[in-house]
Amino acid sequence: LITEIKQSRKALMESIKKTYIQYPYLEKPVEVYERECGHKIVFAYKKGSLMNISSWVKTGSINENDKNNGISHFLEHLMFKGTSKHKAGEFDRTLESKGAIVNAATWKDYTFYYVTVPKGLDDNNFNTTLELHADMMLDPVIPENEIGAPFDINSNKITVKRERHVVIEEIRMRKDQPWTKLYNNLNKNMYTSHPYKRDVIGNEQIISTVTREEVLNYYKTHYTPSNITTIIVGDMNPDEVIPKVIEAFDFKGRENGEIKKNNIDLPGNETKTVKDYGQINTGFIMFGRLAAPAKDIKTSTILEMICLILGQGQSSRLYQDLIEKSKNPIFNMISSDYYHFRDGGNFFIQGNFKPQYEKEATEEIKSAIIKIRDKGITEKELKKAKKKLKAGFAENSETVSDIAETIGFYMTVCDDLNCVEEYVEAIDTITLEDVNKTAKDYFDINNFVISVLMPETCMSEDK
């Protein structure tokens, strides 16, 4: 019987395309397996007592519209509500009893589900985790009693609360968060038609009325073999592990759908400002502009470097110029950030300031943007940024969960794990001339959208 199993697994493996990726800081190359059905499996060896199993799905708000916005996140919640084999709650209880960390996340380009668990003796934990994880990914029943019946969002007669109510409560809690409100106002004004303009979590009206049939149809459309990458990280033998993953992920002929392509929005030609008010005591401001797609590794890496130089940490330009060395600082905090997306990243500068200085706060950030465009950065700043990026990547290669998350990002958002080698190479080879040219290209103030959130007490003054 053992011989038959080995022969069967050998035949199974012969039909699979296998490639090796020289992943920095790991002892062995990462192995990528592509099945005929399109499902991809990645194995990364990491010595230690923990392992991680995760599956990344190429869907998030990028595949939503005005009628189903938030369905990706809602489905993420419902995936944990049982399968034909395992009742709701059994997945969590079984794995958490083994010391596992179980979670999931939804973002614009992806949804992913992961389990980090002690490896245990004789791979028993791996076998149990894989069976439960694959079953959840392939056979969620999404029971009506767990979803909860559709209801009128304005009704106060709801007595039994189910998962749709949990998500709606999340949405309502976010409404009171000033940074979320500021970002959402900016985000929807940076885009004209691209799905990225919508909030990933969705809105109350849609979540209160979306039906089980709509959720199931969304699942069947997007949770297809070619849209899913399963990642295994740990101290295990891939020759034993990969056949088990293939057997567990039996898609039973599930077909792949068409790949949706969106029209890519371009930055505006003049600065746009949007303003809102809230029950707050200070002012909030965020500048944002559309940037390069994630797969443009060189440009994205340069923008990451500029982000570090401009507004990451207390040694950054913005912090030093506008807080530390300012004779009359009007900012309480200020920083920059860069988001990587499949259809184009986002560059941000955000700050919290004394509300009486709204005009001054806006002008100071504008001046910082113009300065980096016109004067660029220094060789010293570039060397420091490169060092930080390398250190950050090395740090993200220390744990099985961080390794899995980095691999998941490159496989899902960039469609190619080879980009990880390109990224590390780019850090070394990017020149000062490269950075300053990109700064000129991307830091035209006319390409930025500005979102401002002010205390409600300022409304009468503004009028």
Protein backbone atom coordinates (compact mmCIF):
# COMPACT_ATOMS: atom_id res chain seq x y z
CA LEU A 1 0.00 0.00 0.00
CA ILE A 2 2.83 2.40 0.86
CA THR A 3 4.46 1.61 -2.51
CA GLU A 4 1.19 2.32 -4.34
CA ILE A 5 0.80 5.65 -2.53
CA LYS A 6 4.35 6.67 -3.46
CA GLN A 7 3.81 5.71 -7.11
CA SER A 8 0.53 7.61 -7.20
CA ARG A 9 2.13 10.70 -5.73
CA LYS A 10 5.05 10.48 -8.15
CA ALA A 11 2.68 10.37 -11.12
CA LEU A 12 0.79 13.32 -9.66
CA MET A 13 3.95 15.41 -9.31
CA GLU A 14 5.14 14.69 -12.85
CA SER A 15 2.27 16.72 -14.32
CA ILE A 16 3.16 19.81 -12.31
CA LYS A 17 5.42 22.67 -13.37
CA LYS A 18 8.04 23.32 -10.68
CA THR A 19 10.36 26.32 -10.40
CA TYR A 20 12.87 27.52 -7.83
CA ILE A 21 13.19 31.07 -6.53
CA GLN A 22 16.33 32.28 -4.78
CA TYR A 23 14.54 33.94 -1.88
CA PRO A 24 16.92 36.18 0.11
CA TYR A 25 17.76 35.29 3.72
CA LEU A 26 16.30 31.77 3.53
CA GLU A 27 18.48 28.64 3.73
CA LYS A 28 16.96 26.98 0.67
CA PRO A 29 15.32 28.17 -2.55
CA VAL A 30 11.56 28.60 -2.44
CA GLU A 31 9.69 26.04 -4.55
CA VAL A 32 6.74 27.08 -6.71
CA TYR A 33 4.40 24.42 -8.10
CA GLU A 34 1.83 25.24 -10.78
CA ARG A 35 -0.88 22.66 -11.36
CA GLU A 36 -2.68 22.10 -14.66
CA CYS A 37 -5.87 23.52 -13.12
CA GLY A 38 -4.07 26.79 -12.37
CA HIS A 39 -3.80 26.37 -8.59
CA LYS A 40 -0.35 27.38 -7.35
CA ILE A 41 1.45 25.96 -4.32
CA VAL A 42 4.53 27.55 -2.77
CA PHE A 43 6.81 25.84 -0.28
CA ALA A 44 9.39 27.78 1.77
CA TYR A 45 11.71 26.00 4.16
CA LYS A 46 12.11 27.72 7.52
CA LYS A 47 13.79 25.89 10.35
CA GLY A 48 11.92 26.03 13.64
CA SER A 49 8.98 24.70 15.60
CA LEU A 50 6.23 26.69 13.83
CA MET A 51 4.63 26.30 10.43
CA ASN A 52 2.23 28.43 8.43
CA ILE A 53 -0.44 27.38 5.96
CA SER A 54 -2.19 30.15 4.03
CA SER A 55 -4.23 30.59 0.88
CA TRP A 56 -4.34 33.85 -1.02
CA VAL A 57 -7.25 34.59 -3.36
CA LYS A 58 -7.00 37.18 -6.12
CA THR A 59 -10.11 39.03 -5.15
CA GLY A 60 -11.03 41.98 -2.99
CA SER A 61 -12.71 45.29 -3.62
CA ILE A 62 -11.03 45.31 -7.07
CA ASN A 63 -13.78 42.91 -8.18
CA GLU A 64 -16.68 44.81 -6.63
CA ASN A 65 -19.12 47.42 -7.88
CA ASP A 66 -21.62 49.85 -6.39
CA LYS A 67 -24.18 47.07 -5.91
CA ASN A 68 -22.00 44.56 -4.03
CA ASN A 69 -19.32 46.71 -2.39
CA GLY A 70 -18.11 44.93 0.75
CA ILE A 71 -19.04 41.42 -0.39
CA SER A 72 -15.38 40.25 -0.40
CA HIS A 73 -14.98 41.17 3.27
CA PHE A 74 -18.40 39.76 4.17
CA LEU A 75 -17.51 36.46 2.48
CA GLU A 76 -14.23 36.35 4.42
CA HIS A 77 -16.28 36.32 7.65
CA LEU A 78 -18.67 33.68 6.32
CA MET A 79 -15.91 31.31 5.20
CA PHE A 80 -15.43 30.36 8.86
CA LYS A 81 -19.08 29.34 9.31
CA GLY A 82 -18.71 25.67 8.54
CA THR A 83 -18.46 23.17 5.69
CA SER A 84 -20.26 19.95 4.79
CA LYS A 85 -17.79 18.07 7.04
CA HIS A 86 -17.22 20.55 9.85
CA LYS A 87 -19.79 22.63 11.71
CA ALA A 88 -19.39 26.34 12.40
CA GLY A 89 -16.81 26.93 15.13
CA GLU A 90 -15.14 23.52 14.77
CA PHE A 91 -12.33 24.92 12.61
CA ASP A 92 -11.33 27.52 15.21
CA ARG A 93 -11.79 25.25 18.23
CA THR A 94 -9.74 22.40 16.78
CA LEU A 95 -6.80 24.53 15.70
CA GLU A 96 -6.73 26.87 18.67
CA SER A 97 -6.59 23.82 20.97
CA LYS A 98 -3.27 23.07 19.26
CA GLY A 99 -1.96 26.57 19.97
CA ALA A 100 -2.72 27.93 16.50
CA ILE A 101 -3.25 31.51 15.43
CA VAL A 102 -6.13 31.58 12.94
CA ASN A 103 -7.15 34.65 10.98
CA ALA A 104 -7.93 36.22 7.60
CA ALA A 105 -7.83 39.61 5.92
CA THR A 106 -9.38 41.35 2.94
CA TRP A 107 -7.81 44.18 0.98
CA LYS A 108 -8.21 45.74 -2.45
CA ASP A 109 -6.37 43.10 -4.48
CA TYR A 110 -6.73 40.00 -2.32
CA THR A 111 -8.30 38.03 0.49
CA PHE A 112 -6.15 35.61 2.46
CA TYR A 113 -6.67 32.99 5.15
CA TYR A 114 -3.90 31.66 7.35
CA VAL A 115 -3.03 29.35 10.21
CA THR A 116 0.23 29.52 12.17
CA VAL A 117 0.63 26.50 14.42
CA PRO A 118 3.32 24.46 16.22
CA LYS A 119 4.54 21.75 13.86
CA GLY A 120 4.05 18.98 16.44
CA LEU A 121 5.24 15.38 16.28
CA ASP A 122 5.16 13.38 13.04
CA ASP A 123 3.47 16.25 11.15
CA ASN A 124 0.16 15.53 12.89
CA ASN A 125 -0.63 19.21 13.28
CA PHE A 126 0.21 19.80 9.62
CA ASN A 127 -2.15 17.05 8.47
CA THR A 128 -5.01 18.31 10.63
CA THR A 129 -4.45 21.95 9.71
CA LEU A 130 -4.21 21.22 6.01
CA GLU A 131 -7.40 19.15 6.01
CA LEU A 132 -9.38 21.86 7.82
CA HIS A 133 -7.90 24.73 5.81
CA ALA A 134 -8.47 23.10 2.42
CA ASP A 135 -11.98 22.06 3.39
CA MET A 136 -12.82 25.63 4.40
CA MET A 137 -11.40 27.03 1.15
CA LEU A 138 -13.21 24.53 -1.10
CA ASP A 139 -16.51 23.79 0.59
CA PRO A 140 -17.92 26.66 2.65
CA VAL A 141 -21.65 26.10 3.13
CA ILE A 142 -22.36 29.70 4.16
CA PRO A 143 -25.50 28.73 6.07
CA GLU A 144 -28.47 31.08 6.06
CA ASN A 145 -28.77 30.96 9.85
CA GLU A 146 -25.18 32.23 10.20
CA ILE A 147 -25.61 35.01 7.64
CA GLY A 148 -28.85 36.27 9.13
CA ALA A 149 -31.91 37.28 7.16
CA PRO A 150 -31.80 40.50 5.10
CA PHE A 151 -33.32 43.41 7.01
CA ASP A 152 -34.18 47.08 6.86
CA ILE A 153 -31.11 48.97 8.07
CA ASN A 154 -33.36 51.60 9.68
CA SER A 155 -35.37 49.04 11.68
CA ASN A 156 -34.98 48.75 15.44
CA LYS A 157 -36.80 45.42 15.62
CA ILE A 158 -33.79 43.11 15.14
CA THR A 159 -33.56 40.68 18.04
CA VAL A 160 -31.31 37.90 16.73
CA LYS A 161 -28.00 39.18 15.43
CA ARG A 162 -25.91 37.16 12.98
CA GLU A 163 -22.76 37.72 10.92
CA ARG A 164 -24.16 40.48 8.75
CA HIS A 165 -24.83 42.44 11.95
CA VAL A 166 -21.23 41.88 13.11
CA VAL A 167 -19.91 43.37 9.86
CA ILE A 168 -22.34 46.28 10.00
CA GLU A 169 -21.13 47.05 13.51
CA GLU A 170 -17.55 47.11 12.17
CA ILE A 171 -18.65 49.59 9.49
CA ARG A 172 -20.33 51.82 12.06
CA MET A 173 -17.32 51.79 14.37
CA ARG A 174 -15.08 52.90 11.50
CA LYS A 175 -17.31 55.90 10.86
CA ASP A 176 -16.10 57.40 14.14
CA GLN A 177 -12.41 57.04 13.23
CA PRO A 178 -11.05 60.34 11.85
CA TRP A 179 -8.15 58.77 9.95
CA THR A 180 -10.53 56.34 8.23
CA LYS A 181 -12.91 59.12 7.25
CA LEU A 182 -10.01 61.25 6.00
CA TYR A 183 -8.56 58.37 3.95
CA ASN A 184 -11.89 57.31 2.44
CA ASN A 185 -12.62 60.87 1.31
CA LEU A 186 -9.19 61.04 -0.30
CA ASN A 187 -9.36 57.56 -1.82
CA LYS A 188 -12.65 58.01 -3.63
CA ASN A 189 -11.45 61.33 -5.07
CA MET A 190 -8.14 60.01 -6.39
CA TYR A 191 -10.03 57.68 -8.74
CA THR A 192 -12.69 58.30 -11.36
CA SER A 193 -13.90 54.81 -12.27
CA HIS A 194 -11.50 52.22 -10.85
CA PRO A 195 -12.92 49.88 -8.15
CA TYR A 196 -10.11 50.94 -5.78
CA LYS A 197 -12.17 54.05 -5.03
CA ARG A 198 -14.53 52.02 -2.83
CA ASP A 199 -14.04 51.22 0.85
CA VAL A 200 -13.06 47.57 1.28
CA ILE A 201 -15.37 47.03 4.24
CA GLY A 202 -18.42 48.14 2.23
CA ASN A 203 -21.52 49.96 3.43
CA GLU A 204 -24.36 49.16 5.78
CA GLN A 205 -27.14 49.15 3.18
CA ILE A 206 -25.49 46.53 0.97
CA ILE A 207 -24.44 44.24 3.83
CA SER A 208 -27.93 44.43 5.37
CA THR A 209 -29.62 43.23 2.17
CA VAL A 210 -27.12 41.02 0.29
CA THR A 211 -28.48 37.50 -0.09
CA ARG A 212 -26.87 34.10 0.44
CA GLU A 213 -27.25 33.41 -3.29
CA GLU A 214 -25.28 36.57 -4.16
CA VAL A 215 -22.51 35.63 -1.73
CA LEU A 216 -22.30 32.07 -3.09
CA ASN A 217 -22.21 33.32 -6.68
CA TYR A 218 -19.37 35.67 -5.78
CA TYR A 219 -17.51 32.78 -4.13
CA LYS A 220 -17.96 30.50 -7.16
CA THR A 221 -16.84 33.25 -9.53
CA HIS A 222 -13.64 34.23 -7.75
CA TYR A 223 -12.50 31.29 -5.59
CA THR A 224 -11.27 29.37 -8.61
CA PRO A 225 -8.07 27.30 -9.00
CA SER A 226 -6.12 29.94 -10.95
CA ASN A 227 -7.10 32.61 -8.44
CA ILE A 228 -5.75 30.72 -5.40
CA THR A 229 -2.17 30.34 -4.21
CA THR A 230 -1.55 28.08 -1.21
CA ILE A 231 1.64 28.70 0.74
CA ILE A 232 3.39 26.34 3.16
CA VAL A 233 6.25 27.66 5.31
CA GLY A 234 8.05 25.52 7.85
CA ASP A 235 10.61 22.88 8.74
CA MET A 236 9.19 20.07 6.62
CA ASN A 237 10.03 17.90 3.62
CA PRO A 238 8.37 19.28 0.46
CA ASP A 239 8.40 15.83 -1.16
CA GLU A 240 6.00 14.74 1.58
CA VAL A 241 4.08 18.00 1.94
CA ILE A 242 3.27 18.99 -1.65
CA PRO A 243 1.44 15.77 -2.66
CA LYS A 244 -0.72 16.13 0.46
CA VAL A 245 -1.60 19.72 -0.50
CA ILE A 246 -2.53 18.62 -4.01
CA GLU A 247 -4.75 15.85 -2.68
CA ALA A 248 -6.40 18.17 -0.13
CA PHE A 249 -7.08 20.87 -2.74
CA ASP A 250 -9.23 18.78 -5.05
CA PHE A 251 -11.16 21.35 -7.06
CA LYS A 252 -13.25 18.60 -8.70
CA GLY A 253 -13.13 20.22 -12.14
CA ARG A 254 -14.00 23.72 -10.93
CA GLU A 255 -13.57 26.04 -13.90
CA ASN A 256 -11.58 29.24 -14.02
CA GLY A 257 -13.31 32.45 -15.00
CA GLU A 258 -12.15 35.26 -17.24
CA ILE A 259 -9.55 37.64 -15.83
CA LYS A 260 -11.12 41.05 -15.37
CA LYS A 261 -9.09 44.04 -16.50
CA ASN A 262 -9.89 47.51 -15.26
CA ASN A 263 -9.23 50.81 -16.94
CA ILE A 264 -6.33 52.40 -15.08
CA ASP A 265 -7.06 55.87 -13.74
CA LEU A 266 -4.46 58.59 -14.22
CA PRO A 267 -3.62 61.39 -11.77
CA GLY A 268 -5.46 64.68 -12.23
CA ASN A 269 -3.87 67.74 -13.81
CA GLU A 270 -4.63 70.12 -10.97
CA THR A 271 -4.64 69.88 -7.20
CA LYS A 272 -8.03 68.82 -5.88
CA THR A 273 -9.10 69.50 -2.29
CA VAL A 274 -11.99 67.79 -0.48
CA LYS A 275 -13.10 68.90 2.97
CA ASP A 276 -15.23 67.33 5.67
CA TYR A 277 -16.06 67.86 9.33
CA GLY A 278 -16.35 65.65 12.39
CA GLN A 279 -16.67 65.60 16.15
CA ILE A 280 -12.95 66.12 16.67
CA ASN A 281 -10.74 68.68 18.35
CA THR A 282 -7.81 68.83 15.92
CA GLY A 283 -7.35 69.03 12.17
CA PHE A 284 -6.41 66.09 9.95
CA ILE A 285 -4.90 66.32 6.48
CA MET A 286 -3.84 63.80 3.88
CA PHE A 287 -2.20 64.32 0.49
CA GLY A 288 -2.37 61.42 -1.97
CA ARG A 289 -1.54 60.62 -5.57
CA LEU A 290 -1.73 57.63 -7.88
CA ALA A 291 1.55 55.89 -8.55
CA ALA A 292 3.16 52.89 -10.28
CA PRO A 293 1.67 49.37 -10.44
CA ALA A 294 3.19 46.91 -7.96
CA LYS A 295 4.86 44.93 -10.73
CA ASP A 296 6.91 47.99 -11.70
CA ILE A 297 9.43 47.00 -9.06
CA LYS A 298 12.01 49.69 -9.77
CA THR A 299 9.61 52.65 -9.61
CA SER A 300 7.73 51.24 -6.62
CA THR A 301 11.01 50.69 -4.76
CA ILE A 302 12.15 54.24 -5.49
CA LEU A 303 8.86 55.60 -4.18
CA GLU A 304 9.29 53.46 -1.05
CA MET A 305 12.71 55.04 -0.59
CA ILE A 306 11.32 58.55 -0.99
CA CYS A 307 8.57 57.66 1.47
CA LEU A 308 11.17 56.62 4.06
CA ILE A 309 13.24 59.75 3.51
CA LEU A 310 10.28 62.09 3.54
CA GLY A 311 8.14 60.89 6.41
CA GLN A 312 9.09 57.64 8.12
CA GLY A 313 10.32 58.08 11.68
CA GLN A 314 11.63 60.96 13.74
CA SER A 315 14.72 61.41 11.57
CA SER A 316 12.63 61.95 8.42
CA ARG A 317 12.46 65.29 6.64
CA LEU A 318 8.85 66.05 7.51
CA TYR A 319 9.27 65.31 11.21
CA GLN A 320 12.53 67.24 11.48
CA ASP A 321 11.41 70.27 9.45
CA LEU A 322 7.82 70.60 10.62
CA ILE A 323 7.99 69.41 14.23
CA GLU A 324 11.47 68.96 15.69
CA LYS A 325 13.16 72.08 14.26
CA SER A 326 10.10 74.27 13.76
CA LYS A 327 10.04 77.43 15.90
CA ASN A 328 6.26 77.30 15.99
CA PRO A 329 5.21 73.71 15.22
CA ILE A 330 1.63 73.42 14.05
CA PHE A 331 1.71 69.65 13.48
CA ASN A 332 1.20 67.14 16.28
CA MET A 333 2.31 64.33 13.96
CA ILE A 334 3.23 63.99 10.33
CA SER A 335 4.34 61.02 8.21
CA SER A 336 4.24 59.47 4.75
CA ASP A 337 3.20 56.06 3.47
CA TYR A 338 3.17 54.03 0.28
CA TYR A 339 0.59 51.38 -0.67
CA HIS A 340 1.39 48.77 -3.34
CA PHE A 341 -1.54 47.78 -5.57
CA ARG A 342 -1.80 45.67 -8.71
CA ASP A 343 -3.26 48.50 -10.82
CA GLY A 344 -1.15 51.31 -9.37
CA GLY A 345 0.13 52.24 -5.92
CA ASN A 346 -0.70 55.23 -3.73
CA PHE A 347 1.72 57.73 -2.19
CA PHE A 348 0.49 59.51 0.94
CA ILE A 349 1.50 62.28 3.31
CA GLN A 350 -0.69 62.63 6.38
CA GLY A 351 -0.66 64.89 9.40
CA ASN A 352 -2.58 65.96 12.48
CA PHE A 353 -2.42 69.68 13.22
CA LYS A 354 -3.73 72.53 15.34
CA PRO A 355 -7.03 73.46 13.68
CA GLN A 356 -6.43 77.20 13.59
CA TYR A 357 -3.53 76.61 11.19
CA GLU A 358 -5.28 74.75 8.37
CA LYS A 359 -3.93 76.98 5.59
CA GLU A 360 -0.39 76.90 7.00
CA ALA A 361 -0.48 73.10 7.36
CA THR A 362 -1.51 72.71 3.73
CA GLU A 363 1.20 75.06 2.49
CA GLU A 364 3.95 73.42 4.52
CA ILE A 365 3.21 70.01 3.04
CA LYS A 366 3.01 71.49 -0.45
CA SER A 367 6.43 73.09 0.09
CA ALA A 368 7.90 69.74 1.17
CA ILE A 369 6.55 68.08 -2.00
CA ILE A 370 7.90 70.84 -4.25
CA LYS A 371 11.28 70.70 -2.50
CA ILE A 372 11.75 66.99 -3.09
CA ARG A 373 10.71 67.42 -6.73
CA ASP A 374 13.01 70.39 -7.43
CA LYS A 375 16.01 69.55 -5.26
CA GLY A 376 15.77 65.77 -4.96
CA ILE A 377 17.50 63.81 -2.22
CA THR A 378 21.10 63.39 -1.12
CA GLU A 379 23.45 60.43 -1.44
CA LYS A 380 23.45 60.12 2.35
CA GLU A 381 19.65 59.92 2.44
CA LEU A 382 19.66 57.29 -0.30
CA LYS A 383 22.17 55.08 1.52
CA LYS A 384 20.12 55.31 4.71
CA ALA A 385 16.89 54.43 2.87
CA LYS A 386 18.52 51.42 1.21
CA LYS A 387 19.77 50.20 4.55
CA LYS A 388 16.29 50.50 6.08
CA LEU A 389 14.62 48.65 3.20
CA LYS A 390 17.13 45.81 3.43
CA ALA A 391 16.69 45.60 7.18
CA GLY A 392 12.92 45.55 6.81
CA PHE A 393 13.02 42.74 4.25
CA ALA A 394 15.42 40.74 6.43
CA GLU A 395 13.14 41.23 9.43
CA ASN A 396 10.18 39.96 7.39
CA SER A 397 12.15 36.78 6.70
CA GLU A 398 12.41 35.85 10.37
CA THR A 399 9.00 34.29 11.03
CA VAL A 400 6.91 31.77 9.09
CA SER A 401 3.92 34.14 9.05
CA ASP A 402 5.90 37.10 7.68
CA ILE A 403 7.54 34.93 5.02
CA ALA A 404 4.14 33.58 3.96
CA GLU A 405 2.68 37.08 3.80
CA THR A 406 5.52 38.40 1.65
CA ILE A 407 5.26 35.44 -0.71
CA GLY A 408 1.48 35.84 -0.86
CA PHE A 409 1.83 39.50 -1.81
CA TYR A 410 4.24 38.82 -4.69
CA MET A 411 2.29 35.83 -5.99
CA THR A 412 -1.07 37.60 -5.82
CA VAL A 413 -0.44 41.29 -6.48
CA CYS A 414 2.61 40.97 -8.75
CA ASP A 415 1.71 37.55 -10.24
CA ASP A 416 5.33 36.50 -9.99
CA LEU A 417 7.54 35.49 -7.06
CA ASN A 418 10.59 36.33 -9.18
CA CYS A 419 9.75 39.94 -8.33
CA VAL A 420 11.17 39.31 -4.86
CA GLU A 421 14.63 38.82 -6.38
CA GLU A 422 14.09 41.88 -8.55
CA TYR A 423 13.14 43.91 -5.46
CA VAL A 424 16.31 43.08 -3.54
CA GLU A 425 18.42 43.70 -6.65
CA ALA A 426 16.68 47.05 -7.19
CA ILE A 427 17.59 48.22 -3.69
CA ASP A 428 21.27 47.72 -4.54
CA THR A 429 21.27 49.08 -8.08
CA ILE A 430 19.02 52.16 -7.87
CA THR A 431 21.10 55.32 -8.22
CA LEU A 432 20.69 58.86 -6.94
CA GLU A 433 19.94 59.90 -10.50
CA ASP A 434 17.13 57.29 -10.67
CA VAL A 435 15.54 58.58 -7.48
CA ASN A 436 15.71 62.25 -8.40
CA LYS A 437 14.26 61.59 -11.86
CA THR A 438 11.36 59.69 -10.29
CA ALA A 439 10.86 62.53 -7.79
CA LYS A 440 10.49 64.97 -10.69
CA ASP A 441 8.03 62.65 -12.43
CA TYR A 442 5.85 61.89 -9.41
CA PHE A 443 5.97 64.96 -7.18
CA ASP A 444 4.10 67.47 -9.27
CA ILE A 445 1.74 69.10 -6.78
CA ASN A 446 -0.95 69.23 -9.51
CA ASN A 447 -1.18 65.44 -9.40
CA PHE A 448 -2.16 65.33 -5.71
CA VAL A 449 -5.56 65.17 -4.07
CA ILE A 450 -5.85 66.75 -0.62
CA SER A 451 -8.32 65.53 2.01
CA VAL A 452 -8.96 67.73 5.04
CA LEU A 453 -11.03 66.86 8.12
CA MET A 454 -11.81 69.69 10.52
CA PRO A 455 -13.73 70.05 13.81
CA GLU A 456 -17.43 70.79 13.38
CA THR A 457 -16.85 74.01 15.32
CA CYS A 458 -14.97 75.31 12.26
CA MET A 459 -17.94 74.93 9.92
CA SER A 460 -19.39 78.36 10.64
CA GLU A 461 -15.97 80.00 10.22
CA ASP A 462 -15.49 78.35 6.82
CA LYS A 463 -18.90 79.56 5.61
